[in-house]
Amino acid sequence: MPNYTIRKYTSADNSAWNEFIALAKNATFLFHRDFMDYHQDRFEDYSLIVEDGKSWVAVLPANRIEDTLFSHQGLTYGGSYQGQF
């Protein structure tokens, strides 16, 4: 049975994030950290990583304004996953 945890992205996750995106079924260049970090002066990044144990199963590019989380407003759309739910 899956044991999902959700945590906030940190800069230490940069390489793992980009590797995950490179293998994801529905990812585009928009989800690459270099593209998203281009907007770092305009958005408070609050991207999320979903893990099953130590394995990444999904990412949600996101930003935060006060108490509201948005699918990253610097992108056309956001979110990516690998595998099946």
PDB file of N, CA and C in Angstrom:
ATOM      1  N   MET A   1       0.844  -1.177   0.000  1.00  0.00           N
ATOM      2  CA  MET A   1       0.000   0.000   0.000  1.00  0.00           C
ATOM      3  C   MET A   1       0.892   1.244   0.000  1.00  0.00           C
ATOM      4  N   PRO A   2       0.594   2.218  -0.840  1.00  0.00           N
ATOM      5  CA  PRO A   2       1.402   3.447  -0.888  1.00  0.00           C
ATOM      6  C   PRO A   2       1.355   4.215   0.433  1.00  0.00           C
ATOM      7  N   ASN A   3       2.463   4.864   0.730  1.00  0.00           N
ATOM      8  CA  ASN A   3       2.560   5.719   1.909  1.00  0.00           C
ATOM      9  C   ASN A   3       3.036   7.089   1.429  1.00  0.00           C
ATOM     10  N   TYR A   4       2.103   7.896   0.939  1.00  0.00           N
ATOM     11  CA  TYR A   4       2.445   9.175   0.333  1.00  0.00           C
ATOM     12  C   TYR A   4       2.740  10.241   1.383  1.00  0.00           C
ATOM     13  N   THR A   5       3.763  11.020   1.114  1.00  0.00           N
ATOM     14  CA  THR A   5       4.043  12.221   1.884  1.00  0.00           C
ATOM     15  C   THR A   5       4.216  13.367   0.901  1.00  0.00           C
ATOM     16  N   ILE A   6       3.901  14.564   1.346  1.00  0.00           N
ATOM     17  CA  ILE A   6       4.032  15.758   0.516  1.00  0.00           C
ATOM     18  C   ILE A   6       4.958  16.709   1.240  1.00  0.00           C
ATOM     19  N   ARG A   7       5.939  17.224   0.502  1.00  0.00           N
ATOM     20  CA  ARG A   7       6.862  18.177   1.096  1.00  0.00           C
ATOM     21  C   ARG A   7       7.163  19.292   0.109  1.00  0.00           C
ATOM     22  N   LYS A   8       7.646  20.383   0.647  1.00  0.00           N
ATOM     23  CA  LYS A   8       7.970  21.560  -0.157  1.00  0.00           C
ATOM     24  C   LYS A   8       9.311  21.364  -0.856  1.00  0.00           C
ATOM     25  N   TYR A   9       9.380  21.780  -2.098  1.00  0.00           N
ATOM     26  CA  TYR A   9      10.621  21.770  -2.871  1.00  0.00           C
ATOM     27  C   TYR A   9      11.648  22.686  -2.217  1.00  0.00           C
ATOM     28  N   THR A  10      12.923  22.264  -2.222  1.00  0.00           N
ATOM     29  CA  THR A  10      14.031  23.123  -1.813  1.00  0.00           C
ATOM     30  C   THR A  10      15.063  23.125  -2.933  1.00  0.00           C
ATOM     31  N   SER A  11      15.961  24.066  -2.906  1.00  0.00           N
ATOM     32  CA  SER A  11      16.979  24.157  -3.958  1.00  0.00           C
ATOM     33  C   SER A  11      17.855  22.898  -4.003  1.00  0.00           C
ATOM     34  N   ALA A  12      17.964  22.173  -2.905  1.00  0.00           N
ATOM     35  CA  ALA A  12      18.719  20.918  -2.892  1.00  0.00           C
ATOM     36  C   ALA A  12      18.059  19.847  -3.772  1.00  0.00           C
ATOM     37  N   ASP A  13      16.777  20.032  -4.102  1.00  0.00           N
ATOM     38  CA  ASP A  13      16.026  19.088  -4.946  1.00  0.00           C
ATOM     39  C   ASP A  13      16.164  19.394  -6.435  1.00  0.00           C
ATOM     40  N   ASN A  14      16.898  20.433  -6.803  1.00  0.00           N
ATOM     41  CA  ASN A  14      16.944  20.910  -8.184  1.00  0.00           C
ATOM     42  C   ASN A  14      17.250  19.798  -9.186  1.00  0.00           C
ATOM     43  N   SER A  15      18.336  19.086  -9.005  1.00  0.00           N
ATOM     44  CA  SER A  15      18.730  18.041  -9.964  1.00  0.00           C
ATOM     45  C   SER A  15      17.705  16.911 -10.007  1.00  0.00           C
ATOM     46  N   ALA A  16      17.254  16.464  -8.828  1.00  0.00           N
ATOM     47  CA  ALA A  16      16.268  15.375  -8.783  1.00  0.00           C
ATOM     48  C   ALA A  16      14.955  15.809  -9.442  1.00  0.00           C
ATOM     49  N   TRP A  17      14.559  17.074  -9.223  1.00  0.00           N
ATOM     50  CA  TRP A  17      13.342  17.598  -9.861  1.00  0.00           C
ATOM     51  C   TRP A  17      13.469  17.511 -11.384  1.00  0.00           C
ATOM     52  N   ASN A  18      14.574  18.015 -11.918  1.00  0.00           N
ATOM     53  CA  ASN A  18      14.762  18.023 -13.371  1.00  0.00           C
ATOM     54  C   ASN A  18      14.851  16.612 -13.943  1.00  0.00           C
ATOM     55  N   GLU A  19      15.467  15.678 -13.200  1.00  0.00           N
ATOM     56  CA  GLU A  19      15.517  14.282 -13.645  1.00  0.00           C
ATOM     57  C   GLU A  19      14.112  13.681 -13.658  1.00  0.00           C
ATOM     58  N   PHE A  20      13.324  13.976 -12.654  1.00  0.00           N
ATOM     59  CA  PHE A  20      11.945  13.490 -12.598  1.00  0.00           C
ATOM     60  C   PHE A  20      11.152  14.021 -13.788  1.00  0.00           C
ATOM     61  N   ILE A  21      11.290  15.306 -14.050  1.00  0.00           N
ATOM     62  CA  ILE A  21      10.570  15.930 -15.166  1.00  0.00           C
ATOM     63  C   ILE A  21      10.988  15.312 -16.500  1.00  0.00           C
ATOM     64  N   ALA A  22      12.270  15.020 -16.647  1.00  0.00           N
ATOM     65  CA  ALA A  22      12.762  14.428 -17.898  1.00  0.00           C
ATOM     66  C   ALA A  22      12.109  13.076 -18.189  1.00  0.00           C
ATOM     67  N   LEU A  23      11.686  12.358 -17.153  1.00  0.00           N
ATOM     68  CA  LEU A  23      11.081  11.036 -17.325  1.00  0.00           C
ATOM     69  C   LEU A  23       9.556  11.038 -17.249  1.00  0.00           C
ATOM     70  N   ALA A  24       8.976  12.148 -16.827  1.00  0.00           N
ATOM     71  CA  ALA A  24       7.525  12.204 -16.635  1.00  0.00           C
ATOM     72  C   ALA A  24       6.772  12.108 -17.962  1.00  0.00           C
ATOM     73  N   LYS A  25       5.613  11.500 -17.910  1.00  0.00           N
ATOM     74  CA  LYS A  25       4.808  11.278 -19.112  1.00  0.00           C
ATOM     75  C   LYS A  25       4.197  12.548 -19.677  1.00  0.00           C
ATOM     76  N   ASN A  26       3.941  13.540 -18.839  1.00  0.00           N
ATOM     77  CA  ASN A  26       3.216  14.717 -19.304  1.00  0.00           C
ATOM     78  C   ASN A  26       3.963  16.025 -19.041  1.00  0.00           C
ATOM     79  N   ALA A  27       5.281  15.948 -18.887  1.00  0.00           N
ATOM     80  CA  ALA A  27       6.052  17.156 -18.564  1.00  0.00           C
ATOM     81  C   ALA A  27       6.471  17.898 -19.829  1.00  0.00           C
ATOM     82  N   THR A  28       6.694  19.188 -19.666  1.00  0.00           N
ATOM     83  CA  THR A  28       7.213  20.027 -20.737  1.00  0.00           C
ATOM     84  C   THR A  28       8.353  20.860 -20.163  1.00  0.00           C
ATOM     85  N   PHE A  29       9.012  21.627 -21.025  1.00  0.00           N
ATOM     86  CA  PHE A  29      10.095  22.499 -20.571  1.00  0.00           C
ATOM     87  C   PHE A  29       9.616  23.491 -19.516  1.00  0.00           C
ATOM     88  N   LEU A  30       8.332  23.766 -19.471  1.00  0.00           N
ATOM     89  CA  LEU A  30       7.791  24.702 -18.486  1.00  0.00           C
ATOM     90  C   LEU A  30       8.047  24.244 -17.053  1.00  0.00           C
ATOM     91  N   PHE A  31       8.181  22.931 -16.842  1.00  0.00           N
ATOM     92  CA  PHE A  31       8.353  22.385 -15.495  1.00  0.00           C
ATOM     93  C   PHE A  31       9.812  22.309 -15.073  1.00  0.00           C
ATOM     94  N   HIS A  32      10.740  22.570 -15.995  1.00  0.00           N
ATOM     95  CA  HIS A  32      12.160  22.530 -15.672  1.00  0.00           C
ATOM     96  C   HIS A  32      12.475  23.661 -14.690  1.00  0.00           C
ATOM     97  N   ARG A  33      13.280  23.375 -13.680  1.00  0.00           N
ATOM     98  CA  ARG A  33      13.546  24.375 -12.638  1.00  0.00           C
ATOM     99  C   ARG A  33      14.181  25.649 -13.201  1.00  0.00           C
ATOM    100  N   ASP A  34      15.019  25.545 -14.211  1.00  0.00           N
ATOM    101  CA  ASP A  34      15.613  26.760 -14.778  1.00  0.00           C
ATOM    102  C   ASP A  34      14.536  27.698 -15.316  1.00  0.00           C
ATOM    103  N   PHE A  35      13.516  27.130 -15.940  1.00  0.00           N
ATOM    104  CA  PHE A  35      12.427  27.954 -16.469  1.00  0.00           C
ATOM    105  C   PHE A  35      11.624  28.563 -15.325  1.00  0.00           C
ATOM    106  N   MET A  36      11.312  27.766 -14.327  1.00  0.00           N
ATOM    107  CA  MET A  36      10.510  28.282 -13.218  1.00  0.00           C
ATOM    108  C   MET A  36      11.299  29.277 -12.376  1.00  0.00           C
ATOM    109  N   ASP A  37      12.584  29.012 -12.186  1.00  0.00           N
ATOM    110  CA  ASP A  37      13.394  29.921 -11.382  1.00  0.00           C
ATOM    111  C   ASP A  37      13.607  31.269 -12.065  1.00  0.00           C
ATOM    112  N   TYR A  38      13.371  31.321 -13.356  1.00  0.00           N
ATOM    113  CA  TYR A  38      13.427  32.596 -14.081  1.00  0.00           C
ATOM    114  C   TYR A  38      12.451  33.602 -13.456  1.00  0.00           C
ATOM    115  N   HIS A  39      11.370  33.101 -12.893  1.00  0.00           N
ATOM    116  CA  HIS A  39      10.324  33.940 -12.300  1.00  0.00           C
ATOM    117  C   HIS A  39      10.506  34.159 -10.799  1.00  0.00           C
ATOM    118  N   GLN A  40      11.624  33.744 -10.236  1.00  0.00           N
ATOM    119  CA  GLN A  40      11.757  33.754  -8.777  1.00  0.00           C
ATOM    120  C   GLN A  40      11.639  35.134  -8.148  1.00  0.00           C
ATOM    121  N   ASP A  41      11.894  36.176  -8.903  1.00  0.00           N
ATOM    122  CA  ASP A  41      11.751  37.525  -8.340  1.00  0.00           C
ATOM    123  C   ASP A  41      10.297  37.989  -8.324  1.00  0.00           C
ATOM    124  N   ARG A  42       9.412  37.285  -9.038  1.00  0.00           N
ATOM    125  CA  ARG A  42       8.002  37.687  -9.116  1.00  0.00           C
ATOM    126  C   ARG A  42       7.065  36.810  -8.306  1.00  0.00           C
ATOM    127  N   PHE A  43       7.523  35.586  -7.962  1.00  0.00           N
ATOM    128  CA  PHE A  43       6.649  34.628  -7.286  1.00  0.00           C
ATOM    129  C   PHE A  43       7.387  33.991  -6.115  1.00  0.00           C
ATOM    130  N   GLU A  44       6.674  33.770  -5.010  1.00  0.00           N
ATOM    131  CA  GLU A  44       7.231  32.996  -3.907  1.00  0.00           C
ATOM    132  C   GLU A  44       6.992  31.522  -4.239  1.00  0.00           C
ATOM    133  N   ASP A  45       8.051  30.844  -4.645  1.00  0.00           N
ATOM    134  CA  ASP A  45       7.912  29.443  -5.038  1.00  0.00           C
ATOM    135  C   ASP A  45       7.444  28.607  -3.852  1.00  0.00           C
ATOM    136  N   TYR A  46       6.469  27.769  -4.101  1.00  0.00           N
ATOM    137  CA  TYR A  46       5.985  26.839  -3.087  1.00  0.00           C
ATOM    138  C   TYR A  46       5.643  25.518  -3.769  1.00  0.00           C
ATOM    139  N   SER A  47       6.569  25.088  -4.649  1.00  0.00           N
ATOM    140  CA  SER A  47       6.371  23.838  -5.368  1.00  0.00           C
ATOM    141  C   SER A  47       6.400  22.672  -4.398  1.00  0.00           C
ATOM    142  N   LEU A  48       5.642  21.629  -4.724  1.00  0.00           N
ATOM    143  CA  LEU A  48       5.498  20.479  -3.841  1.00  0.00           C
ATOM    144  C   LEU A  48       5.972  19.207  -4.515  1.00  0.00           C
ATOM    145  N   ILE A  49       6.468  18.282  -3.696  1.00  0.00           N
ATOM    146  CA  ILE A  49       6.926  16.981  -4.150  1.00  0.00           C
ATOM    147  C   ILE A  49       6.121  15.930  -3.397  1.00  0.00           C
ATOM    148  N   VAL A  50       5.561  14.966  -4.126  1.00  0.00           N
ATOM    149  CA  VAL A  50       4.838  13.857  -3.514  1.00  0.00           C
ATOM    150  C   VAL A  50       5.743  12.633  -3.596  1.00  0.00           C
ATOM    151  N   GLU A  51       5.967  12.016  -2.439  1.00  0.00           N
ATOM    152  CA  GLU A  51       6.839  10.851  -2.384  1.00  0.00           C
ATOM    153  C   GLU A  51       6.087   9.646  -1.828  1.00  0.00           C
ATOM    154  N   ASP A  52       6.473   8.473  -2.308  1.00  0.00           N
ATOM    155  CA  ASP A  52       6.042   7.201  -1.738  1.00  0.00           C
ATOM    156  C   ASP A  52       7.309   6.586  -1.176  1.00  0.00           C
ATOM    157  N   GLY A  53       7.488   6.701   0.127  1.00  0.00           N
ATOM    158  CA  GLY A  53       8.770   6.333   0.724  1.00  0.00           C
ATOM    159  C   GLY A  53       9.805   7.351   0.274  1.00  0.00           C
ATOM    160  N   LYS A  54      10.853   6.883  -0.390  1.00  0.00           N
ATOM    161  CA  LYS A  54      11.884   7.788  -0.900  1.00  0.00           C
ATOM    162  C   LYS A  54      11.740   8.034  -2.398  1.00  0.00           C
ATOM    163  N   SER A  55      10.752   7.428  -3.023  1.00  0.00           N
ATOM    164  CA  SER A  55      10.534   7.576  -4.465  1.00  0.00           C
ATOM    165  C   SER A  55       9.582   8.722  -4.755  1.00  0.00           C
ATOM    166  N   TRP A  56       9.964   9.573  -5.691  1.00  0.00           N
ATOM    167  CA  TRP A  56       9.083  10.657  -6.122  1.00  0.00           C
ATOM    168  C   TRP A  56       8.010  10.078  -7.027  1.00  0.00           C
ATOM    169  N   VAL A  57       6.763  10.474  -6.808  1.00  0.00           N
ATOM    170  CA  VAL A  57       5.672  10.016  -7.660  1.00  0.00           C
ATOM    171  C   VAL A  57       4.962  11.168  -8.355  1.00  0.00           C
ATOM    172  N   ALA A  58       5.121  12.392  -7.841  1.00  0.00           N
ATOM    173  CA  ALA A  58       4.461  13.544  -8.463  1.00  0.00           C
ATOM    174  C   ALA A  58       5.126  14.833  -7.988  1.00  0.00           C
ATOM    175  N   VAL A  59       5.004  15.863  -8.830  1.00  0.00           N
ATOM    176  CA  VAL A  59       5.428  17.203  -8.446  1.00  0.00           C
ATOM    177  C   VAL A  59       4.313  18.173  -8.813  1.00  0.00           C
ATOM    178  N   LEU A  60       4.227  19.233  -8.052  1.00  0.00           N
ATOM    179  CA  LEU A  60       3.264  20.292  -8.334  1.00  0.00           C
ATOM    180  C   LEU A  60       4.016  21.618  -8.342  1.00  0.00           C
ATOM    181  N   PRO A  61       4.315  22.152  -9.540  1.00  0.00           N
ATOM    182  CA  PRO A  61       4.902  23.486  -9.595  1.00  0.00           C
ATOM    183  C   PRO A  61       3.880  24.466  -9.023  1.00  0.00           C
ATOM    184  N   ALA A  62       4.275  25.220  -8.012  1.00  0.00           N
ATOM    185  CA  ALA A  62       3.311  26.084  -7.337  1.00  0.00           C
ATOM    186  C   ALA A  62       3.989  27.332  -6.794  1.00  0.00           C
ATOM    187  N   ASN A  63       3.174  28.322  -6.546  1.00  0.00           N
ATOM    188  CA  ASN A  63       3.636  29.515  -5.842  1.00  0.00           C
ATOM    189  C   ASN A  63       2.597  29.877  -4.794  1.00  0.00           C
ATOM    190  N   ARG A  64       3.028  30.720  -3.866  1.00  0.00           N
ATOM    191  CA  ARG A  64       2.171  31.079  -2.751  1.00  0.00           C
ATOM    192  C   ARG A  64       2.049  32.592  -2.669  1.00  0.00           C
ATOM    193  N   ILE A  65       0.834  33.036  -2.420  1.00  0.00           N
ATOM    194  CA  ILE A  65       0.574  34.441  -2.105  1.00  0.00           C
ATOM    195  C   ILE A  65      -0.232  34.435  -0.817  1.00  0.00           C
ATOM    196  N   GLU A  66       0.401  34.937   0.240  1.00  0.00           N
ATOM    197  CA  GLU A  66      -0.190  34.926   1.587  1.00  0.00           C
ATOM    198  C   GLU A  66      -0.576  33.500   1.957  1.00  0.00           C
ATOM    199  N   ASP A  67      -1.854  33.216   2.168  1.00  0.00           N
ATOM    200  CA  ASP A  67      -2.294  31.881   2.575  1.00  0.00           C
ATOM    201  C   ASP A  67      -2.876  31.066   1.429  1.00  0.00           C
ATOM    202  N   THR A  68      -2.621  31.478   0.179  1.00  0.00           N
ATOM    203  CA  THR A  68      -3.206  30.793  -0.970  1.00  0.00           C
ATOM    204  C   THR A  68      -2.110  30.169  -1.820  1.00  0.00           C
ATOM    205  N   LEU A  69      -2.296  28.890  -2.172  1.00  0.00           N
ATOM    206  CA  LEU A  69      -1.378  28.160  -3.038  1.00  0.00           C
ATOM    207  C   LEU A  69      -1.953  28.134  -4.447  1.00  0.00           C
ATOM    208  N   PHE A  70      -1.122  28.464  -5.429  1.00  0.00           N
ATOM    209  CA  PHE A  70      -1.537  28.485  -6.830  1.00  0.00           C
ATOM    210  C   PHE A  70      -0.708  27.491  -7.622  1.00  0.00           C
ATOM    211  N   SER A  71      -1.335  26.810  -8.595  1.00  0.00           N
ATOM    212  CA  SER A  71      -0.555  26.090  -9.589  1.00  0.00           C
ATOM    213  C   SER A  71       0.261  27.173 -10.271  1.00  0.00           C
ATOM    214  N   HIS A  72       1.548  27.031 -10.291  1.00  0.00           N
ATOM    215  CA  HIS A  72       2.497  28.129 -10.535  1.00  0.00           C
ATOM    216  C   HIS A  72       1.993  29.141 -11.562  1.00  0.00           C
ATOM    217  N   GLN A  73       1.836  30.380 -11.121  1.00  0.00           N
ATOM    218  CA  GLN A  73       1.283  31.439 -11.970  1.00  0.00           C
ATOM    219  C   GLN A  73       2.264  31.934 -13.028  1.00  0.00           C
ATOM    220  N   GLY A  74       3.530  31.521 -12.940  1.00  0.00           N
ATOM    221  CA  GLY A  74       4.492  31.876 -13.974  1.00  0.00           C
ATOM    222  C   GLY A  74       4.461  30.913 -15.145  1.00  0.00           C
ATOM    223  N   LEU A  75       3.616  29.875 -15.062  1.00  0.00           N
ATOM    224  CA  LEU A  75       3.524  28.852 -16.097  1.00  0.00           C
ATOM    225  C   LEU A  75       2.132  28.880 -16.729  1.00  0.00           C
ATOM    226  N   THR A  76       2.026  28.245 -17.864  1.00  0.00           N
ATOM    227  CA  THR A  76       0.731  28.118 -18.516  1.00  0.00           C
ATOM    228  C   THR A  76      -0.159  27.144 -17.750  1.00  0.00           C
ATOM    229  N   TYR A  77       0.439  26.080 -17.231  1.00  0.00           N
ATOM    230  CA  TYR A  77      -0.252  25.076 -16.433  1.00  0.00           C
ATOM    231  C   TYR A  77       0.805  24.343 -15.618  1.00  0.00           C
ATOM    232  N   GLY A  78       0.385  23.524 -14.634  1.00  0.00           N
ATOM    233  CA  GLY A  78       1.386  22.873 -13.781  1.00  0.00           C
ATOM    234  C   GLY A  78       0.963  21.499 -13.314  1.00  0.00           C
ATOM    235  N   GLY A  79       1.925  20.774 -12.773  1.00  0.00           N
ATOM    236  CA  GLY A  79       1.705  19.458 -12.225  1.00  0.00           C
ATOM    237  C   GLY A  79       2.209  18.381 -13.153  1.00  0.00           C
ATOM    238  N   SER A  80       2.821  17.356 -12.611  1.00  0.00           N
ATOM    239  CA  SER A  80       3.339  16.252 -13.399  1.00  0.00           C
ATOM    240  C   SER A  80       3.424  15.026 -12.508  1.00  0.00           C
ATOM    241  N   TYR A  81       3.261  13.855 -13.089  1.00  0.00           N
ATOM    242  CA  TYR A  81       3.372  12.648 -12.305  1.00  0.00           C
ATOM    243  C   TYR A  81       3.980  11.548 -13.146  1.00  0.00           C
ATOM    244  N   GLN A  82       4.461  10.513 -12.466  1.00  0.00           N
ATOM    245  CA  GLN A  82       4.962   9.315 -13.116  1.00  0.00           C
ATOM    246  C   GLN A  82       4.155   8.140 -12.580  1.00  0.00           C
ATOM    247  N   GLY A  83       3.839   7.197 -13.435  1.00  0.00           N
ATOM    248  CA  GLY A  83       3.149   5.982 -12.970  1.00  0.00           C
ATOM    249  C   GLY A  83       1.650   6.132 -12.929  1.00  0.00           C
ATOM    250  N   GLN A  84       1.031   5.251 -12.166  1.00  0.00           N
ATOM    251  CA  GLN A  84      -0.412   5.208 -12.073  1.00  0.00           C
ATOM    252  C   GLN A  84      -0.880   5.565 -10.683  1.00  0.00           C
ATOM    253  N   PHE A  85      -2.080   6.080 -10.596  1.00  0.00           N
ATOM    254  CA  PHE A  85      -2.675   6.359  -9.282  1.00  0.00           C
ATOM    255  C   PHE A  85      -3.566   5.205  -8.909  1.00  0.00           C
TER     256      PHE A  85
END
